[in-house]
C-alpha atoms as a PDB file:
ATOM      1  CA  MET A   1     -27.594   3.819  19.703  1.00  0.00           C
ATOM      2  CA  LEU A   2     -25.644   6.927  18.691  1.00  0.00           C
ATOM      3  CA  GLY A   3     -22.906   5.993  21.122  1.00  0.00           C
ATOM      4  CA  LEU A   4     -22.660   2.481  19.681  1.00  0.00           C
ATOM      5  CA  LEU A   5     -22.520   3.802  16.137  1.00  0.00           C
ATOM      6  CA  ALA A   6     -19.813   6.300  17.100  1.00  0.00           C
ATOM      7  CA  PHE A   7     -17.792   3.511  18.724  1.00  0.00           C
ATOM      8  CA  ILE A   8     -18.002   1.255  15.664  1.00  0.00           C
ATOM      9  CA  LEU A   9     -17.091   4.111  13.346  1.00  0.00           C
ATOM     10  CA  ALA A  10     -14.108   5.048  15.522  1.00  0.00           C
ATOM     11  CA  PHE A  11     -13.018   1.396  15.587  1.00  0.00           C
ATOM     12  CA  THR A  12     -13.241   0.922  11.806  1.00  0.00           C
ATOM     13  CA  PHE A  13     -11.632   4.295  11.121  1.00  0.00           C
ATOM     14  CA  GLY A  14      -8.727   3.333  13.384  1.00  0.00           C
ATOM     15  CA  MET A  15      -8.283   0.076  11.447  1.00  0.00           C
ATOM     16  CA  THR A  16      -8.253   1.773   8.046  1.00  0.00           C
ATOM     17  CA  ALA A  17      -5.985   4.628   9.206  1.00  0.00           C
ATOM     18  CA  SER A  18      -3.532   2.054  10.546  1.00  0.00           C
ATOM     19  CA  ARG A  19      -3.550   0.198   7.220  1.00  0.00           C
ATOM     20  CA  LEU A  20      -2.975   3.468   5.362  1.00  0.00           C
ATOM     21  CA  ASP A  21       0.062   4.187   7.507  1.00  0.00           C
ATOM     22  CA  ASP A  22       1.306   0.631   6.937  1.00  0.00           C
ATOM     23  CA  ARG A  23       1.048   1.106   3.172  1.00  0.00           C
ATOM     24  CA  ARG A  24       2.998   4.357   3.374  1.00  0.00           C
ATOM     25  CA  GLN A  25       5.741   2.813   5.471  1.00  0.00           C
ATOM     26  CA  LEU A  26       6.028  -0.251   3.242  1.00  0.00           C
ATOM     27  CA  LEU A  27       6.262   1.891   0.109  1.00  0.00           C
ATOM     28  CA  LEU A  28       9.053   3.923   1.682  1.00  0.00           C
ATOM     29  CA  GLN A  29      10.860   0.761   2.792  1.00  0.00           C
ATOM     30  CA  GLU A  30      10.522  -0.795  -0.652  1.00  0.00           C
ATOM     31  CA  SER A  31      11.823   2.371  -2.320  1.00  0.00           C
ATOM     32  CA  ASN A  32      14.829   2.422  -0.006  1.00  0.00           C
ATOM     33  CA  ALA A  33      15.455  -1.294  -0.560  1.00  0.00           C
ATOM     34  CA  ILE A  34      15.358  -0.928  -4.341  1.00  0.00           C
ATOM     35  CA  GLY A  35      17.693   2.060  -4.209  1.00  0.00           C
ATOM     36  CA  THR A  36      20.118   0.282  -1.872  1.00  0.00           C
ATOM     37  CA  THR A  37      20.141  -2.836  -4.040  1.00  0.00           C
ATOM     38  CA  TYR A  38      20.807  -0.720  -7.111  1.00  0.00           C
ATOM     39  CA  LEU A  39      23.754   1.002  -5.460  1.00  0.00           C
ATOM     40  CA  ARG A  40      25.198  -2.233  -4.100  1.00  0.00           C
ATOM     41  CA  ALA A  41      24.965  -3.756  -7.561  1.00  0.00           C
ATOM     42  CA  GLY A  42      27.805  -1.388  -8.446  1.00  0.00           C
ATOM     43  CA  LEU A  43      30.080  -3.568  -6.294  1.00  0.00           C
ATOM     44  CA  LEU A  44      29.421  -6.648  -8.443  1.00  0.00           C
ATOM     45  CA  PRO A  45      31.345  -7.934 -11.468  1.00  0.00           C
ATOM     46  CA  GLN A  46      30.501  -5.959 -14.600  1.00  0.00           C
ATOM     47  CA  ARG A  47      28.347  -8.609 -16.300  1.00  0.00           C
ATOM     48  CA  GLN A  48      26.010  -9.062 -13.334  1.00  0.00           C
ATOM     49  CA  ARG A  49      26.152  -5.374 -12.428  1.00  0.00           C
ATOM     50  CA  ASP A  50      24.820  -4.181 -15.785  1.00  0.00           C
ATOM     51  CA  ASP A  51      22.107  -6.850 -16.026  1.00  0.00           C
ATOM     52  CA  ILE A  52      20.937  -6.382 -12.446  1.00  0.00           C
ATOM     53  CA  ARG A  53      20.772  -2.602 -12.695  1.00  0.00           C
ATOM     54  CA  ARG A  54      18.793  -2.877 -15.922  1.00  0.00           C
ATOM     55  CA  LEU A  55      16.359  -5.297 -14.282  1.00  0.00           C
ATOM     56  CA  LEU A  56      15.984  -3.035 -11.240  1.00  0.00           C
ATOM     57  CA  ARG A  57      15.141  -0.065 -13.454  1.00  0.00           C
ATOM     58  CA  GLU A  58      12.526  -2.186 -15.175  1.00  0.00           C
ATOM     59  CA  TYR A  59      11.240  -3.343 -11.793  1.00  0.00           C
ATOM     60  CA  ALA A  60      10.838   0.237 -10.535  1.00  0.00           C
ATOM     61  CA  ASP A  61       8.906   1.114 -13.712  1.00  0.00           C
ATOM     62  CA  VAL A  62       6.564  -1.822 -13.184  1.00  0.00           C
ATOM     63  CA  ARG A  63       5.928  -0.830  -9.571  1.00  0.00           C
ATOM     64  CA  LEU A  64       5.260   2.793 -10.512  1.00  0.00           C
ATOM     65  CA  LYS A  65       2.777   1.882 -13.240  1.00  0.00           C
ATOM     66  CA  GLY A  66       0.859  -0.560 -11.048  1.00  0.00           C
ATOM     67  CA  THR A  67      -2.811   0.309 -10.524  1.00  0.00           C
ATOM     68  CA  VAL A  68      -5.910  -1.463  -9.274  1.00  0.00           C
ATOM     69  CA  ALA A  69      -6.973  -2.056 -12.871  1.00  0.00           C
ATOM     70  CA  ASN A  70      -3.775  -3.918 -13.792  1.00  0.00           C
ATOM     71  CA  ILE A  71      -2.859  -5.343 -10.376  1.00  0.00           C
ATOM     72  CA  ALA A  72      -2.728  -8.951 -11.635  1.00  0.00           C
ATOM     73  CA  GLU A  73      -0.384  -7.985 -14.478  1.00  0.00           C
ATOM     74  CA  THR A  74       1.782  -5.893 -12.156  1.00  0.00           C
ATOM     75  CA  LEU A  75       2.177  -8.740  -9.682  1.00  0.00           C
ATOM     76  CA  ALA A  76       2.961 -11.225 -12.455  1.00  0.00           C
ATOM     77  CA  GLN A  77       5.611  -8.939 -13.948  1.00  0.00           C
ATOM     78  CA  SER A  78       7.087  -8.270 -10.495  1.00  0.00           C
ATOM     79  CA  GLU A  79       7.413 -11.967  -9.735  1.00  0.00           C
ATOM     80  CA  GLN A  80       8.977 -12.625 -13.133  1.00  0.00           C
ATOM     81  CA  LEU A  81      11.561  -9.915 -12.476  1.00  0.00           C
ATOM     82  CA  HIS A  82      12.207 -11.402  -9.026  1.00  0.00           C
ATOM     83  CA  ARG A  83      13.114 -14.702 -10.655  1.00  0.00           C
ATOM     84  CA  ARG A  84      15.402 -13.035 -13.169  1.00  0.00           C
ATOM     85  CA  LEU A  85      17.101 -10.975 -10.472  1.00  0.00           C
ATOM     86  CA  TRP A  86      17.546 -14.009  -8.252  1.00  0.00           C
ATOM     87  CA  SER A  87      19.006 -15.930 -11.168  1.00  0.00           C
ATOM     88  CA  GLN A  88      21.614 -13.195 -11.479  1.00  0.00           C
ATOM     89  CA  ALA A  89      22.279 -13.448  -7.742  1.00  0.00           C
ATOM     90  CA  GLU A  90      22.801 -17.203  -8.071  1.00  0.00           C
ATOM     91  CA  SER A  91      25.371 -16.615 -10.800  1.00  0.00           C
ATOM     92  CA  LEU A  92      27.436 -14.631  -8.296  1.00  0.00           C
ATOM     93  CA  VAL A  93      28.288 -17.878  -6.501  1.00  0.00           C
ATOM     94  CA  GLN A  94      30.570 -18.776  -9.393  1.00  0.00           C
ATOM     95  CA  ALA A  95      31.988 -15.275  -9.723  1.00  0.00           C
ATOM     96  CA  ASP A  96      35.393 -14.323  -8.428  1.00  0.00           C
ATOM     97  CA  MET A  97      34.418 -11.712  -5.833  1.00  0.00           C
ATOM     98  CA  ASP A  98      34.495 -10.973  -2.129  1.00  0.00           C
ATOM     99  CA  SER A  99      31.978 -13.162  -0.281  1.00  0.00           C
ATOM    100  CA  GLU A 100      30.991 -10.340   2.072  1.00  0.00           C
ATOM    101  CA  LEU A 101      30.100  -8.066  -0.835  1.00  0.00           C
ATOM    102  CA  ARG A 102      28.097 -10.875  -2.401  1.00  0.00           C
ATOM    103  CA  LEU A 103      26.204 -11.424   0.850  1.00  0.00           C
ATOM    104  CA  LEU A 104      25.589  -7.694   1.200  1.00  0.00           C
ATOM    105  CA  PHE A 105      23.956  -7.528  -2.207  1.00  0.00           C
ATOM    106  CA  ILE A 106      21.918 -10.714  -1.780  1.00  0.00           C
ATOM    107  CA  THR A 107      20.568  -9.435   1.545  1.00  0.00           C
ATOM    108  CA  SER A 108      19.336  -6.246  -0.144  1.00  0.00           C
ATOM    109  CA  LEU A 109      17.758  -8.150  -3.021  1.00  0.00           C
ATOM    110  CA  ASN A 110      16.034 -10.516  -0.605  1.00  0.00           C
ATOM    111  CA  GLU A 111      14.548  -7.503   1.196  1.00  0.00           C
ATOM    112  CA  VAL A 112      13.153  -6.175  -2.093  1.00  0.00           C
ATOM    113  CA  ILE A 113      11.411  -9.487  -2.737  1.00  0.00           C
ATOM    114  CA  ASP A 114      10.072  -9.734   0.818  1.00  0.00           C
ATOM    115  CA  LEU A 115       8.685  -6.189   0.730  1.00  0.00           C
ATOM    116  CA  ASN A 116       6.756  -6.975  -2.428  1.00  0.00           C
ATOM    117  CA  GLN A 117       4.947  -9.725  -0.541  1.00  0.00           C
ATOM    118  CA  SER A 118       4.348  -7.423   2.429  1.00  0.00           C
ATOM    119  CA  ARG A 119       2.852  -4.685   0.266  1.00  0.00           C
ATOM    120  CA  LYS A 120       0.634  -7.182  -1.555  1.00  0.00           C
ATOM    121  CA  THR A 121      -0.619  -8.638   1.714  1.00  0.00           C
ATOM    122  CA  VAL A 122      -1.416  -5.285   3.331  1.00  0.00           C
ATOM    123  CA  ALA A 123      -3.066  -3.843   0.221  1.00  0.00           C
ATOM    124  CA  LEU A 124      -5.137  -6.844  -0.868  1.00  0.00           C
ATOM    125  CA  LEU A 125      -5.739  -8.980   2.196  1.00  0.00           C
ATOM    126  CA  TYR A 126      -5.764  -6.595   5.152  1.00  0.00           C
ATOM    127  CA  ARG A 127      -9.140  -5.055   4.455  1.00  0.00           C
ATOM    128  CA  ILE A 128     -12.071  -4.403   6.771  1.00  0.00           C
ATOM    129  CA  PRO A 129     -13.938  -7.729   7.128  1.00  0.00           C
ATOM    130  CA  GLY A 130     -17.338  -7.934   5.472  1.00  0.00           C
ATOM    131  CA  PRO A 131     -19.259  -8.552   8.736  1.00  0.00           C
ATOM    132  CA  ILE A 132     -17.912  -5.299  10.186  1.00  0.00           C
ATOM    133  CA  TRP A 133     -18.994  -3.354   7.101  1.00  0.00           C
ATOM    134  CA  MET A 134     -22.439  -4.947   7.300  1.00  0.00           C
ATOM    135  CA  SER A 135     -22.673  -3.979  10.963  1.00  0.00           C
ATOM    136  CA  VAL A 136     -21.732  -0.376  10.164  1.00  0.00           C
ATOM    137  CA  TYR A 137     -24.284  -0.084   7.370  1.00  0.00           C
ATOM    138  CA  LEU A 138     -27.047  -1.760   9.359  1.00  0.00           C
ATOM    139  CA  LEU A 139     -26.421   0.225  12.508  1.00  0.00           C
ATOM    140  CA  SER A 140     -26.178   3.469  10.526  1.00  0.00           C
ATOM    141  CA  THR A 141     -29.501   2.782   8.862  1.00  0.00           C
ATOM    142  CA  LEU A 142     -31.196   1.910  12.135  1.00  0.00           C
ATOM    143  CA  THR A 143     -29.742   4.987  13.830  1.00  0.00           C
ATOM    144  CA  MET A 144     -30.921   7.332  11.093  1.00  0.00           C
ATOM    145  CA  VAL A 145     -34.389   5.778  11.208  1.00  0.00           C
ATOM    146  CA  ALA A 146     -34.497   6.119  14.988  1.00  0.00           C
ATOM    147  CA  LEU A 147     -33.340   9.724  14.840  1.00  0.00           C
ATOM    148  CA  GLY A 148     -35.893  10.518  12.180  1.00  0.00           C
ATOM    149  CA  TYR A 149     -38.609   9.057  14.332  1.00  0.00           C
ATOM    150  CA  GLN A 150     -37.371  10.985  17.378  1.00  0.00           C
ATOM    151  CA  VAL A 151     -37.285  14.234  15.436  1.00  0.00           C
ATOM    152  CA  GLY A 152     -40.823  13.631  14.252  1.00  0.00           C
ATOM    153  CA  MET A 153     -41.971  13.055  17.802  1.00  0.00           C
ATOM    154  CA  ALA A 154     -40.048  15.985  19.284  1.00  0.00           C
ATOM    155  CA  GLY A 155     -41.143  18.540  16.730  1.00  0.00           C
ATOM    156  CA  SER A 156     -38.819  21.293  15.551  1.00  0.00           C
ATOM    157  CA  ARG A 157     -36.369  21.196  18.481  1.00  0.00           C
ATOM    158  CA  TRP A 158     -34.079  18.639  16.788  1.00  0.00           C
ATOM    159  CA  LEU A 159     -34.376  19.917  13.212  1.00  0.00           C
ATOM    160  CA  ARG A 160     -31.436  22.341  13.347  1.00  0.00           C
ATOM    161  CA  GLY A 161     -28.830  19.863  14.539  1.00  0.00           C
ATOM    162  CA  MET A 162     -30.127  16.870  12.597  1.00  0.00           C
ATOM    163  CA  PRO A 163     -28.556  17.692   9.169  1.00  0.00           C
ATOM    164  CA  VAL A 164     -25.167  18.344  10.782  1.00  0.00           C
ATOM    165  CA  LEU A 165     -25.290  15.044  12.658  1.00  0.00           C
ATOM    166  CA  VAL A 166     -26.289  13.065   9.572  1.00  0.00           C
ATOM    167  CA  ALA A 167     -23.612  14.785   7.481  1.00  0.00           C
ATOM    168  CA  ALA A 168     -20.919  14.069  10.084  1.00  0.00           C
ATOM    169  CA  PHE A 169     -21.710  10.349  10.258  1.00  0.00           C
ATOM    170  CA  SER A 170     -21.962  10.126   6.465  1.00  0.00           C
ATOM    171  CA  LEU A 171     -18.599  11.856   6.017  1.00  0.00           C
ATOM    172  CA  VAL A 172     -16.880   9.449   8.401  1.00  0.00           C
ATOM    173  CA  ILE A 173     -18.354   6.430   6.607  1.00  0.00           C
ATOM    174  CA  VAL A 174     -17.268   7.793   3.210  1.00  0.00           C
ATOM    175  CA  MET A 175     -13.731   8.416   4.511  1.00  0.00           C
ATOM    176  CA  ILE A 176     -13.481   4.905   5.929  1.00  0.00           C
ATOM    177  CA  ALA A 177     -14.636   3.371   2.641  1.00  0.00           C
ATOM    178  CA  ASP A 178     -12.213   5.559   0.676  1.00  0.00           C
ATOM    179  CA  ILE A 179      -9.180   4.650   2.791  1.00  0.00           C
ATOM    180  CA  ASP A 180     -10.093   0.965   2.661  1.00  0.00           C
ATOM    181  CA  ARG A 181      -9.780   0.946  -1.156  1.00  0.00           C
ATOM    182  CA  PRO A 182      -6.049   1.435  -1.843  1.00  0.00           C
ATOM    183  CA  GLY A 183      -5.438   2.854  -5.289  1.00  0.00           C
ATOM    184  CA  GLU A 184      -9.131   3.439  -5.967  1.00  0.00           C
ATOM    185  CA  GLY A 185     -10.321   6.252  -3.715  1.00  0.00           C
ATOM    186  CA  ASN A 186      -9.229   9.861  -3.332  1.00  0.00           C
ATOM    187  CA  ILE A 187      -6.974   9.172  -0.330  1.00  0.00           C
ATOM    188  CA  ARG A 188      -3.920   7.444  -1.783  1.00  0.00           C
ATOM    189  CA  VAL A 189      -0.329   6.733  -0.851  1.00  0.00           C
ATOM    190  CA  SER A 190       2.052   8.981  -2.750  1.00  0.00           C
ATOM    191  CA  GLN A 191       4.440   7.149  -5.088  1.00  0.00           C
ATOM    192  CA  GLN A 192       6.987   9.974  -4.891  1.00  0.00           C
ATOM    193  CA  PRO A 193       9.631   8.014  -2.894  1.00  0.00           C
ATOM    194  CA  LEU A 194       9.700   5.340  -5.604  1.00  0.00           C
ATOM    195  CA  ALA A 195       9.693   7.970  -8.352  1.00  0.00           C
ATOM    196  CA  ASP A 196      12.718   9.616  -6.707  1.00  0.00           C
ATOM    197  CA  VAL A 197      14.566   6.288  -6.672  1.00  0.00           C
ATOM    198  CA  ARG A 198      13.732   5.724 -10.336  1.00  0.00           C
ATOM    199  CA  GLN A 199      15.085   9.164 -11.182  1.00  0.00           C
ATOM    200  CA  MET A 200      18.300   8.335  -9.345  1.00  0.00           C
ATOM    201  CA  MET A 201      18.628   5.173 -11.415  1.00  0.00           C
ATOM    202  CA  SER A 202      18.223   7.141 -14.650  1.00  0.00           C
ATOM    203  CA  GLN A 203      21.261   9.274 -13.943  1.00  0.00           C
ATOM    204  CA  ASP A 204      23.726   6.508 -14.777  1.00  0.00           C
ATOM    205  CA  ALA A 205      21.605   4.439 -17.158  1.00  0.00           C
ATOM    206  CA  PRO A 206      23.435   3.569 -20.387  1.00  0.00           C
END
């Protein structure tokens, strides 16, 4: 039973660790995409350039302030800014500018919008399924009961190692649960890449 519990814990820990790495990579990609879009906006006509850069600064602020408590508001504000940014991109069709530069900017903006959806999907939908969590809890409980019974039958021979074993399994379960709650637990994805991009934007803000 210990072997089965260890296998399930290793399996679930691998799932959550993979999701944590995905969230880190997506945050870095989104930060780079926002920064690239902001820089490429400098190639646009002045009217669109100023409006788009202002909207991107606002967008970065919204993303930085997003938490689990205000996730619905953050997503709503992000989508509203997407529409306003895309409206600016549509206005470029009528602008007198190089078509390749226009395409370059639109490609960057499209990546920003796509990465928002990717981050939302990984953070909110790619969680450990409920049946797996139930299996972990049930098997953990049964294992601890079985070990307790075995210790009682074996006398004092198992008493020394028993607390260490229980603590080790408990620590792994706590870590898995913590990683599986993005933005809530102690193990979080650093927002520093996005903060660095926002600082870069502030340098030439009017």
